[in-house]
Each structure stands twice: as C-alpha cells, then as structure tokens.
PDB file of N, CA and C in Angstrom:
ATOM      1  N   UNK A   1    -165.523-117.164 106.407  1.00  0.00           N
ATOM      2  CA  UNK A   1    -164.555-117.417 105.353  1.00  0.00           C
ATOM      3  C   UNK A   1    -163.164-117.168 105.921  1.00  0.00           C
ATOM      4  N   UNK A   2    -162.163-118.009 105.562  1.00  0.00           N
ATOM      5  CA  UNK A   2    -160.795-117.909 106.087  1.00  0.00           C
ATOM      6  C   UNK A   2    -160.008-116.870 105.302  1.00  0.00           C
ATOM      7  N   UNK A   3    -159.146-116.177 106.048  1.00  0.00           N
ATOM      8  CA  UNK A   3    -158.287-115.194 105.398  1.00  0.00           C
ATOM      9  C   UNK A   3    -157.090-115.906 104.782  1.00  0.00           C
ATOM     10  N   UNK A   4    -156.274-115.161 104.030  1.00  0.00           N
ATOM     11  CA  UNK A   4    -155.106-115.731 103.369  1.00  0.00           C
ATOM     12  C   UNK A   4    -154.067-116.228 104.361  1.00  0.00           C
ATOM     13  N   UNK A   5    -153.881-115.515 105.488  1.00  0.00           N
ATOM     14  CA  UNK A   5    -152.887-115.906 106.494  1.00  0.00           C
ATOM     15  C   UNK A   5    -153.297-117.212 107.162  1.00  0.00           C
ATOM     16  N   UNK A   6    -154.588-117.355 107.495  1.00  0.00           N
ATOM     17  CA  UNK A   6    -155.066-118.580 108.137  1.00  0.00           C
ATOM     18  C   UNK A   6    -154.930-119.770 107.193  1.00  0.00           C
ATOM     19  N   UNK A   7    -155.188-119.580 105.929  1.00  0.00           N
ATOM     20  CA  UNK A   7    -155.072-120.659 104.950  1.00  0.00           C
ATOM     21  C   UNK A   7    -153.628-121.108 104.818  1.00  0.00           C
ATOM     22  N   UNK A   8    -152.675-120.163 104.818  1.00  0.00           N
ATOM     23  CA  UNK A   8    -151.259-120.502 104.713  1.00  0.00           C
ATOM     24  C   UNK A   8    -150.805-121.293 105.943  1.00  0.00           C
ATOM     25  N   UNK A   9    -151.271-120.887 107.156  1.00  0.00           N
ATOM     26  CA  UNK A   9    -150.908-121.606 108.373  1.00  0.00           C
ATOM     27  C   UNK A   9    -151.444-123.027 108.338  1.00  0.00           C
ATOM     28  N   UNK A  10    -152.677-123.192 107.917  1.00  0.00           N
ATOM     29  CA  UNK A  10    -153.292-124.517 107.854  1.00  0.00           C
ATOM     30  C   UNK A  10    -152.541-125.401 106.865  1.00  0.00           C
ATOM     31  N   UNK A  11    -152.169-124.856 105.722  1.00  0.00           N
ATOM     32  CA  UNK A  11    -151.436-125.631 104.716  1.00  0.00           C
ATOM     33  C   UNK A  11    -150.064-126.032 105.238  1.00  0.00           C
ATOM     34  N   UNK A  12    -149.375-125.120 105.930  1.00  0.00           N
ATOM     35  CA  UNK A  12    -148.040-125.420 106.471  1.00  0.00           C
ATOM     36  C   UNK A  12    -148.137-126.504 107.532  1.00  0.00           C
ATOM     37  N   UNK A  13    -149.149-126.419 108.412  1.00  0.00           N
ATOM     38  CA  UNK A  13    -149.329-127.416 109.462  1.00  0.00           C
ATOM     39  C   UNK A  13    -149.597-128.797 108.875  1.00  0.00           C
ATOM     40  N   UNK A  14    -150.423-128.884 107.868  1.00  0.00           N
ATOM     41  CA  UNK A  14    -150.744-130.190 107.266  1.00  0.00           C
ATOM     42  C   UNK A  14    -149.523-130.765 106.544  1.00  0.00           C
ATOM     43  N   UNK A  15    -148.667-129.908 105.968  1.00  0.00           N
ATOM     44  CA  UNK A  15    -147.454-130.370 105.306  1.00  0.00           C
ATOM     45  C   UNK A  15    -146.494-130.965 106.326  1.00  0.00           C
ATOM     46  N   UNK A  16    -146.331-130.276 107.494  1.00  0.00           N
ATOM     47  CA  UNK A  16    -145.441-130.794 108.536  1.00  0.00           C
ATOM     48  C   UNK A  16    -145.930-132.131 109.064  1.00  0.00           C
ATOM     49  N   UNK A  17    -147.211-132.274 109.316  1.00  0.00           N
ATOM     50  CA  UNK A  17    -147.722-133.535 109.844  1.00  0.00           C
ATOM     51  C   UNK A  17    -147.591-134.654 108.816  1.00  0.00           C
ATOM     52  N   UNK A  18    -147.709-134.333 107.526  1.00  0.00           N
ATOM     53  CA  UNK A  18    -147.541-135.337 106.476  1.00  0.00           C
ATOM     54  C   UNK A  18    -146.090-135.809 106.443  1.00  0.00           C
ATOM     55  N   UNK A  19    -145.132-134.895 106.564  1.00  0.00           N
ATOM     56  CA  UNK A  19    -143.713-135.273 106.572  1.00  0.00           C
ATOM     57  C   UNK A  19    -143.403-136.184 107.745  1.00  0.00           C
ATOM     58  N   UNK A  20    -143.898-135.838 108.924  1.00  0.00           N
ATOM     59  CA  UNK A  20    -143.615-136.628 110.120  1.00  0.00           C
ATOM     60  C   UNK A  20    -144.183-138.031 109.989  1.00  0.00           C
ATOM     61  N   UNK A  21    -145.407-138.151 109.506  1.00  0.00           N
ATOM     62  CA  UNK A  21    -146.009-139.476 109.392  1.00  0.00           C
ATOM     63  C   UNK A  21    -145.317-140.293 108.305  1.00  0.00           C
ATOM     64  N   UNK A  22    -144.877-139.659 107.227  1.00  0.00           N
ATOM     65  CA  UNK A  22    -144.151-140.365 106.173  1.00  0.00           C
ATOM     66  C   UNK A  22    -142.831-140.876 106.707  1.00  0.00           C
ATOM     67  N   UNK A  23    -142.096-140.037 107.469  1.00  0.00           N
ATOM     68  CA  UNK A  23    -140.817-140.445 108.042  1.00  0.00           C
ATOM     69  C   UNK A  23    -141.018-141.620 108.999  1.00  0.00           C
ATOM     70  N   UNK A  24    -142.054-141.560 109.823  1.00  0.00           N
ATOM     71  CA  UNK A  24    -142.337-142.606 110.790  1.00  0.00           C
ATOM     72  C   UNK A  24    -142.608-143.928 110.078  1.00  0.00           C
ATOM     73  N   UNK A  25    -143.374-143.878 108.970  1.00  0.00           N
ATOM     74  CA  UNK A  25    -143.689-145.104 108.224  1.00  0.00           C
ATOM     75  C   UNK A  25    -142.447-145.667 107.546  1.00  0.00           C
ATOM     76  N   UNK A  26    -141.603-144.803 106.985  1.00  0.00           N
ATOM     77  CA  UNK A  26    -140.443-145.265 106.228  1.00  0.00           C
ATOM     78  C   UNK A  26    -139.393-145.915 107.106  1.00  0.00           C
ATOM     79  N   UNK A  27    -139.258-145.471 108.350  1.00  0.00           N
ATOM     80  CA  UNK A  27    -138.213-146.006 109.220  1.00  0.00           C
ATOM     81  C   UNK A  27    -138.703-147.179 110.047  1.00  0.00           C
ATOM     82  N   UNK A  28    -139.933-147.605 109.855  1.00  0.00           N
ATOM     83  CA  UNK A  28    -140.433-148.732 110.618  1.00  0.00           C
ATOM     84  C   UNK A  28    -140.796-148.362 112.044  1.00  0.00           C
ATOM     85  N   UNK A  29    -141.020-147.105 112.318  1.00  0.00           N
ATOM     86  CA  UNK A  29    -141.450-146.698 113.637  1.00  0.00           C
ATOM     87  C   UNK A  29    -140.331-146.224 114.544  1.00  0.00           C
ATOM     88  N   UNK A  30    -139.087-146.371 114.133  1.00  0.00           N
ATOM     89  CA  UNK A  30    -137.978-145.936 114.982  1.00  0.00           C
ATOM     90  C   UNK A  30    -136.830-145.452 114.112  1.00  0.00           C
ATOM     91  N   UNK A  31    -135.989-144.629 114.682  1.00  0.00           N
ATOM     92  CA  UNK A  31    -134.810-144.159 113.963  1.00  0.00           C
ATOM     93  C   UNK A  31    -133.784-145.289 113.927  1.00  0.00           C
ATOM     94  N   UNK A  32    -133.122-145.442 112.796  1.00  0.00           N
ATOM     95  CA  UNK A  32    -132.106-146.485 112.661  1.00  0.00           C
ATOM     96  C   UNK A  32    -130.823-146.022 113.349  1.00  0.00           C
ATOM     97  N   UNK A  33    -130.242-146.896 114.175  1.00  0.00           N
ATOM     98  CA  UNK A  33    -128.985-146.578 114.855  1.00  0.00           C
ATOM     99  C   UNK A  33    -127.810-147.051 114.028  1.00  0.00           C
ATOM    100  N   UNK A  34    -126.688-146.348 114.167  1.00  0.00           N
ATOM    101  CA  UNK A  34    -125.473-146.748 113.487  1.00  0.00           C
ATOM    102  C   UNK A  34    -124.925-147.983 114.203  1.00  0.00           C
ATOM    103  N   UNK A  35    -124.308-148.871 113.452  1.00  0.00           N
ATOM    104  CA  UNK A  35    -123.811-150.087 114.080  1.00  0.00           C
ATOM    105  C   UNK A  35    -122.729-149.769 115.103  1.00  0.00           C
ATOM    106  N   UNK A  36    -122.709-150.518 116.166  1.00  0.00           N
ATOM    107  CA  UNK A  36    -121.747-150.313 117.238  1.00  0.00           C
ATOM    108  C   UNK A  36    -120.454-151.035 116.914  1.00  0.00           C
ATOM    109  N   UNK A  37    -119.334-150.398 117.198  1.00  0.00           N
ATOM    110  CA  UNK A  37    -118.024-151.001 117.006  1.00  0.00           C
ATOM    111  C   UNK A  37    -117.604-151.697 118.291  1.00  0.00           C
ATOM    112  N   UNK A  38    -116.815-152.758 118.138  1.00  0.00           N
ATOM    113  CA  UNK A  38    -116.278-153.486 119.275  1.00  0.00           C
ATOM    114  C   UNK A  38    -114.830-153.054 119.432  1.00  0.00           C
ATOM    115  N   UNK A  39    -114.428-152.680 120.642  1.00  0.00           N
ATOM    116  CA  UNK A  39    -113.082-152.163 120.861  1.00  0.00           C
ATOM    117  C   UNK A  39    -112.262-153.168 121.676  1.00  0.00           C
ATOM    118  N   UNK A  40    -111.059-153.489 121.184  1.00  0.00           N
ATOM    119  CA  UNK A  40    -110.144-154.410 121.850  1.00  0.00           C
ATOM    120  C   UNK A  40    -108.783-153.751 122.006  1.00  0.00           C
ATOM    121  N   UNK A  41    -108.003-154.248 122.971  1.00  0.00           N
ATOM    122  CA  UNK A  41    -106.619-153.828 123.127  1.00  0.00           C
ATOM    123  C   UNK A  41    -105.727-154.977 122.707  1.00  0.00           C
ATOM    124  N   UNK A  42    -104.599-154.644 122.080  1.00  0.00           N
ATOM    125  CA  UNK A  42    -103.682-155.676 121.640  1.00  0.00           C
ATOM    126  C   UNK A  42    -102.290-155.131 121.419  1.00  0.00           C
ATOM    127  N   UNK A  43    -101.437-155.997 120.870  1.00  0.00           N
ATOM    128  CA  UNK A  43    -100.037-155.648 120.619  1.00  0.00           C
ATOM    129  C   UNK A  43     -99.737-155.818 119.138  1.00  0.00           C
ATOM    130  N   UNK A  44     -98.986-154.885 118.584  1.00  0.00           N
ATOM    131  CA  UNK A  44     -98.614-154.937 117.171  1.00  0.00           C
ATOM    132  C   UNK A  44     -97.531-156.008 117.000  1.00  0.00           C
ATOM    133  N   UNK A  45     -97.795-156.980 116.124  1.00  0.00           N
ATOM    134  CA  UNK A  45     -96.821-158.030 115.843  1.00  0.00           C
ATOM    135  C   UNK A  45     -95.957-157.698 114.650  1.00  0.00           C
ATOM    136  N   UNK A  46     -96.601-157.150 113.601  1.00  0.00           N
ATOM    137  CA  UNK A  46     -95.903-156.949 112.334  1.00  0.00           C
ATOM    138  C   UNK A  46     -96.461-155.717 111.642  1.00  0.00           C
ATOM    139  N   UNK A  47     -95.589-154.960 110.995  1.00  0.00           N
ATOM    140  CA  UNK A  47     -96.008-153.766 110.257  1.00  0.00           C
ATOM    141  C   UNK A  47     -95.894-154.049 108.769  1.00  0.00           C
ATOM    142  N   UNK A  48     -96.967-153.791 108.034  1.00  0.00           N
ATOM    143  CA  UNK A  48     -96.983-153.954 106.581  1.00  0.00           C
ATOM    144  C   UNK A  48     -96.901-152.573 105.930  1.00  0.00           C
ATOM    145  N   UNK A  49     -96.919-152.553 104.613  1.00  0.00           N
ATOM    146  CA  UNK A  49     -96.906-151.279 103.892  1.00  0.00           C
ATOM    147  C   UNK A  49     -98.264-150.595 104.001  1.00  0.00           C
ATOM    148  N   UNK A  50     -98.253-149.328 103.709  1.00  0.00           N
ATOM    149  CA  UNK A  50     -99.451-148.473 103.633  1.00  0.00           C
ATOM    150  C   UNK A  50    -100.287-148.485 104.915  1.00  0.00           C
ATOM    151  N   UNK A  51     -99.622-148.496 106.057  1.00  0.00           N
ATOM    152  CA  UNK A  51    -100.333-148.337 107.327  1.00  0.00           C
ATOM    153  C   UNK A  51    -101.126-149.532 107.782  1.00  0.00           C
ATOM    154  N   UNK A  52    -100.772-150.731 107.361  1.00  0.00           N
ATOM    155  CA  UNK A  52    -101.465-151.953 107.796  1.00  0.00           C
ATOM    156  C   UNK A  52    -100.587-152.678 108.819  1.00  0.00           C
ATOM    157  N   UNK A  53    -101.233-153.293 109.814  1.00  0.00           N
ATOM    158  CA  UNK A  53    -100.520-153.960 110.895  1.00  0.00           C
ATOM    159  C   UNK A  53    -101.219-155.259 111.254  1.00  0.00           C
ATOM    160  N   UNK A  54    -100.434-156.230 111.741  1.00  0.00           N
ATOM    161  CA  UNK A  54    -101.001-157.459 112.303  1.00  0.00           C
ATOM    162  C   UNK A  54    -101.022-157.265 113.812  1.00  0.00           C
ATOM    163  N   UNK A  55    -102.198-157.446 114.420  1.00  0.00           N
ATOM    164  CA  UNK A  55    -102.403-157.192 115.838  1.00  0.00           C
ATOM    165  C   UNK A  55    -102.741-158.506 116.540  1.00  0.00           C
ATOM    166  N   UNK A  56    -102.106-158.750 117.696  1.00  0.00           N
ATOM    167  CA  UNK A  56    -102.444-159.891 118.553  1.00  0.00           C
ATOM    168  C   UNK A  56    -103.203-159.347 119.755  1.00  0.00           C
ATOM    169  N   UNK A  57    -104.445-159.818 119.935  1.00  0.00           N
ATOM    170  CA  UNK A  57    -105.273-159.351 121.036  1.00  0.00           C
ATOM    171  C   UNK A  57    -104.982-160.145 122.298  1.00  0.00           C
ATOM    172  N   UNK A  58    -105.447-159.621 123.423  1.00  0.00           N
ATOM    173  CA  UNK A  58    -105.211-160.262 124.713  1.00  0.00           C
ATOM    174  C   UNK A  58    -105.873-161.640 124.801  1.00  0.00           C
ATOM    175  N   UNK A  59    -106.946-161.851 124.050  1.00  0.00           N
ATOM    176  CA  UNK A  59    -107.644-163.135 124.097  1.00  0.00           C
ATOM    177  C   UNK A  59    -107.042-164.173 123.136  1.00  0.00           C
ATOM    178  N   UNK A  60    -105.954-163.820 122.434  1.00  0.00           N
ATOM    179  CA  UNK A  60    -105.269-164.778 121.576  1.00  0.00           C
ATOM    180  C   UNK A  60    -105.599-164.671 120.097  1.00  0.00           C
ATOM    181  N   UNK A  61    -106.603-163.910 119.724  1.00  0.00           N
ATOM    182  CA  UNK A  61    -106.978-163.761 118.321  1.00  0.00           C
ATOM    183  C   UNK A  61    -106.062-162.757 117.624  1.00  0.00           C
ATOM    184  N   UNK A  62    -105.956-162.897 116.304  1.00  0.00           N
ATOM    185  CA  UNK A  62    -105.173-161.959 115.494  1.00  0.00           C
ATOM    186  C   UNK A  62    -106.085-161.268 114.500  1.00  0.00           C
ATOM    187  N   UNK A  63    -105.681-160.061 114.095  1.00  0.00           N
ATOM    188  CA  UNK A  63    -106.443-159.313 113.102  1.00  0.00           C
ATOM    189  C   UNK A  63    -105.487-158.410 112.332  1.00  0.00           C
ATOM    190  N   UNK A  64    -105.938-157.993 111.159  1.00  0.00           N
ATOM    191  CA  UNK A  64    -105.228-157.004 110.363  1.00  0.00           C
ATOM    192  C   UNK A  64    -105.930-155.674 110.608  1.00  0.00           C
ATOM    193  N   UNK A  65    -105.147-154.630 110.900  1.00  0.00           N
ATOM    194  CA  UNK A  65    -105.748-153.325 111.185  1.00  0.00           C
ATOM    195  C   UNK A  65    -104.982-152.226 110.455  1.00  0.00           C
ATOM    196  N   UNK A  66    -105.696-151.141 110.160  1.00  0.00           N
ATOM    197  CA  UNK A  66    -105.076-149.987 109.522  1.00  0.00           C
ATOM    198  C   UNK A  66    -105.161-148.802 110.472  1.00  0.00           C
ATOM    199  N   UNK A  67    -104.314-147.812 110.249  1.00  0.00           N
ATOM    200  CA  UNK A  67    -104.336-146.636 111.112  1.00  0.00           C
ATOM    201  C   UNK A  67    -105.526-145.749 110.746  1.00  0.00           C
ATOM    202  N   UNK A  68    -106.132-145.145 111.748  1.00  0.00           N
ATOM    203  CA  UNK A  68    -107.277-144.273 111.498  1.00  0.00           C
ATOM    204  C   UNK A  68    -106.804-142.988 110.831  1.00  0.00           C
ATOM    205  N   UNK A  69    -107.720-142.279 110.238  1.00  0.00           N
ATOM    206  CA  UNK A  69    -107.393-141.054 109.510  1.00  0.00           C
ATOM    207  C   UNK A  69    -106.758-139.990 110.376  1.00  0.00           C
ATOM    208  N   UNK A  70    -107.220-139.849 111.615  1.00  0.00           N
ATOM    209  CA  UNK A  70    -106.662-138.837 112.509  1.00  0.00           C
ATOM    210  C   UNK A  70    -105.227-139.192 112.873  1.00  0.00           C
ATOM    211  N   UNK A  71    -104.924-140.492 113.031  1.00  0.00           N
ATOM    212  CA  UNK A  71    -103.558-140.901 113.355  1.00  0.00           C
ATOM    213  C   UNK A  71    -102.638-140.655 112.159  1.00  0.00           C
ATOM    214  N   UNK A  72    -103.144-140.845 110.953  1.00  0.00           N
ATOM    215  CA  UNK A  72    -102.346-140.538 109.759  1.00  0.00           C
ATOM    216  C   UNK A  72    -102.109-139.040 109.642  1.00  0.00           C
ATOM    217  N   UNK A  73    -103.163-138.275 109.918  1.00  0.00           N
ATOM    218  CA  UNK A  73    -103.082-136.819 109.796  1.00  0.00           C
ATOM    219  C   UNK A  73    -102.015-136.238 110.724  1.00  0.00           C
ATOM    220  N   UNK A  74    -101.946-136.746 111.952  1.00  0.00           N
ATOM    221  CA  UNK A  74    -100.974-136.241 112.916  1.00  0.00           C
ATOM    222  C   UNK A  74     -99.678-137.052 112.923  1.00  0.00           C
ATOM    223  N   UNK A  75     -99.527-137.941 111.960  1.00  0.00           N
ATOM    224  CA  UNK A  75     -98.313-138.740 111.749  1.00  0.00           C
ATOM    225  C   UNK A  75     -97.853-139.468 113.010  1.00  0.00           C
ATOM    226  N   UNK A  76     -98.796-140.174 113.648  1.00  0.00           N
ATOM    227  CA  UNK A  76     -98.455-140.967 114.826  1.00  0.00           C
ATOM    228  C   UNK A  76     -97.841-142.273 114.346  1.00  0.00           C
ATOM    229  N   UNK A  77     -96.631-142.543 114.791  1.00  0.00           N
ATOM    230  CA  UNK A  77     -95.907-143.736 114.351  1.00  0.00           C
ATOM    231  C   UNK A  77     -96.281-144.923 115.216  1.00  0.00           C
ATOM    232  N   UNK A  78     -96.414-146.083 114.574  1.00  0.00           N
ATOM    233  CA  UNK A  78     -96.714-147.326 115.274  1.00  0.00           C
ATOM    234  C   UNK A  78     -95.649-148.334 114.882  1.00  0.00           C
ATOM    235  N   UNK A  79     -95.027-148.946 115.885  1.00  0.00           N
ATOM    236  CA  UNK A  79     -93.970-149.916 115.661  1.00  0.00           C
ATOM    237  C   UNK A  79     -94.361-151.263 116.250  1.00  0.00           C
ATOM    238  N   UNK A  80     -93.770-152.358 115.760  1.00  0.00           N
ATOM    239  CA  UNK A  80     -94.032-153.663 116.382  1.00  0.00           C
ATOM    240  C   UNK A  80     -93.677-153.621 117.872  1.00  0.00           C
ATOM    241  N   UNK A  81     -94.555-154.192 118.684  1.00  0.00           N
ATOM    242  CA  UNK A  81     -94.376-154.172 120.132  1.00  0.00           C
ATOM    243  C   UNK A  81     -95.223-153.133 120.831  1.00  0.00           C
ATOM    244  N   UNK A  82     -95.782-152.162 120.091  1.00  0.00           N
ATOM    245  CA  UNK A  82     -96.630-151.128 120.694  1.00  0.00           C
ATOM    246  C   UNK A  82     -97.978-151.707 121.096  1.00  0.00           C
ATOM    247  N   UNK A  83     -98.538-151.174 122.187  1.00  0.00           N
ATOM    248  CA  UNK A  83     -99.896-151.530 122.621  1.00  0.00           C
ATOM    249  C   UNK A  83    -100.857-150.557 121.946  1.00  0.00           C
ATOM    250  N   UNK A  84    -101.937-151.072 121.361  1.00  0.00           N
ATOM    251  CA  UNK A  84    -102.891-150.233 120.632  1.00  0.00           C
ATOM    252  C   UNK A  84    -104.320-150.625 120.976  1.00  0.00           C
ATOM    253  N   UNK A  85    -105.253-149.691 120.735  1.00  0.00           N
ATOM    254  CA  UNK A  85    -106.688-149.969 120.816  1.00  0.00           C
ATOM    255  C   UNK A  85    -107.201-150.079 119.392  1.00  0.00           C
ATOM    256  N   UNK A  86    -107.999-151.100 119.134  1.00  0.00           N
ATOM    257  CA  UNK A  86    -108.495-151.373 117.789  1.00  0.00           C
ATOM    258  C   UNK A  86    -110.010-151.464 117.822  1.00  0.00           C
ATOM    259  N   UNK A  87    -110.667-150.791 116.872  1.00  0.00           N
ATOM    260  CA  UNK A  87    -112.118-150.918 116.688  1.00  0.00           C
ATOM    261  C   UNK A  87    -112.375-151.977 115.632  1.00  0.00           C
ATOM    262  N   UNK A  88    -113.259-152.916 115.949  1.00  0.00           N
ATOM    263  CA  UNK A  88    -113.624-153.966 115.003  1.00  0.00           C
ATOM    264  C   UNK A  88    -115.121-153.891 114.730  1.00  0.00           C
ATOM    265  N   UNK A  89    -115.488-154.223 113.518  1.00  0.00           N
ATOM    266  CA  UNK A  89    -116.892-154.317 113.172  1.00  0.00           C
ATOM    267  C   UNK A  89    -117.418-155.659 113.684  1.00  0.00           C
ATOM    268  N   UNK A  90    -118.641-155.708 114.170  1.00  0.00           N
ATOM    269  CA  UNK A  90    -119.178-157.002 114.621  1.00  0.00           C
ATOM    270  C   UNK A  90    -119.368-157.997 113.478  1.00  0.00           C
ATOM    271  N   UNK A  91    -119.301-157.525 112.224  1.00  0.00           N
ATOM    272  CA  UNK A  91    -119.492-158.406 111.075  1.00  0.00           C
ATOM    273  C   UNK A  91    -118.205-159.088 110.639  1.00  0.00           C
ATOM    274  N   UNK A  92    -117.050-158.442 110.860  1.00  0.00           N
ATOM    275  CA  UNK A  92    -115.766-159.009 110.447  1.00  0.00           C
ATOM    276  C   UNK A  92    -114.752-158.746 111.547  1.00  0.00           C
ATOM    277  N   UNK A  93    -114.483-159.755 112.368  1.00  0.00           N
ATOM    278  CA  UNK A  93    -113.580-159.600 113.505  1.00  0.00           C
ATOM    279  C   UNK A  93    -112.122-159.808 113.119  1.00  0.00           C
ATOM    280  N   UNK A  94    -111.832-159.979 111.840  1.00  0.00           N
ATOM    281  CA  UNK A  94    -110.456-160.181 111.390  1.00  0.00           C
ATOM    282  C   UNK A  94    -109.842-158.897 110.829  1.00  0.00           C
ATOM    283  N   UNK A  95    -110.641-157.826 110.687  1.00  0.00           N
ATOM    284  CA  UNK A  95    -110.132-156.555 110.164  1.00  0.00           C
ATOM    285  C   UNK A  95    -110.599-155.436 111.086  1.00  0.00           C
ATOM    286  N   UNK A  96    -109.732-154.445 111.281  1.00  0.00           N
ATOM    287  CA  UNK A  96    -110.103-153.363 112.182  1.00  0.00           C
ATOM    288  C   UNK A  96    -109.368-152.077 111.885  1.00  0.00           C
ATOM    289  N   UNK A  97    -109.585-151.094 112.770  1.00  0.00           N
ATOM    290  CA  UNK A  97    -108.975-149.773 112.624  1.00  0.00           C
ATOM    291  C   UNK A  97    -108.316-149.409 113.954  1.00  0.00           C
ATOM    292  N   UNK A  98    -107.036-149.039 113.893  1.00  0.00           N
ATOM    293  CA  UNK A  98    -106.301-148.637 115.095  1.00  0.00           C
ATOM    294  C   UNK A  98    -106.711-147.210 115.430  1.00  0.00           C
ATOM    295  N   UNK A  99    -107.237-147.007 116.635  1.00  0.00           N
ATOM    296  CA  UNK A  99    -107.724-145.693 117.019  1.00  0.00           C
ATOM    297  C   UNK A  99    -106.875-145.035 118.100  1.00  0.00           C
ATOM    298  N   UNK A 100    -105.998-145.792 118.779  1.00  0.00           N
ATOM    299  CA  UNK A 100    -105.203-145.214 119.850  1.00  0.00           C
ATOM    300  C   UNK A 100    -103.939-146.029 120.048  1.00  0.00           C
ATOM    301  N   UNK A 101    -102.811-145.349 120.262  1.00  0.00           N
ATOM    302  CA  UNK A 101    -101.549-146.023 120.585  1.00  0.00           C
ATOM    303  C   UNK A 101    -101.205-145.699 122.025  1.00  0.00           C
ATOM    304  N   UNK A 102    -100.996-146.741 122.842  1.00  0.00           N
ATOM    305  CA  UNK A 102    -100.622-146.550 124.242  1.00  0.00           C
ATOM    306  C   UNK A 102     -99.209-146.013 124.333  1.00  0.00           C
ATOM    307  N   UNK A 103     -98.951-145.243 125.360  1.00  0.00           N
ATOM    308  CA  UNK A 103     -97.593-144.687 125.531  1.00  0.00           C
ATOM    309  C   UNK A 103     -96.698-145.626 126.269  1.00  0.00           C
TER     310      UNK A 103
END
C-alpha cells in the first residue's frame, strides 16, 4: 500500500506531464515565434506633428515612421536631413518605427 507522500508525488508528476502534453498539442508541436522586423536605413524628408516623419530609404521607397518610445523618453530630436534606422513590419512596408538616429 502507498503512503501519503508517495501518492502526492505520483499525483504531482502526472499533473506536470498532463500540462506539458496539453501545451505541446495547443501550440502545434512548436513554440510560436514573434514576427521578425525588417530594418532599413534612410533619410528624414519631412517632419509631421506628434512624432511622425516621412522617410526616404536607400532603395528609393518612402514610408511614414514614428519615433520609438525610448527615443521619446530621452527626448532625442529628429530633423529633416537626419539619417535614421527604421524597423518595418513585413506586413506593411509603408509604416515603421524609428529606432536609431545616426550622428
């Protein structure tokens, strides 16, 4: 006959294995990765209100971008003519986020 401690260990082990198998089934067998951002360098053409800018990339495309939260927090100023790095989503290449201003 099993003691109380052995029964508790067996119950805990079966609970852990049930959680793992449930997680494996729910995710389709693999952990979901966060979408990757595409990073481009460009030049600021025009500054709009509320931290929005028109950016011209080296390949000739244009996009509208906003300043990232950390750049707003540290009050980094961006002026037309500045070189910047912009993160774009692979789903919408016309909008992005400015993550770095070149010196």
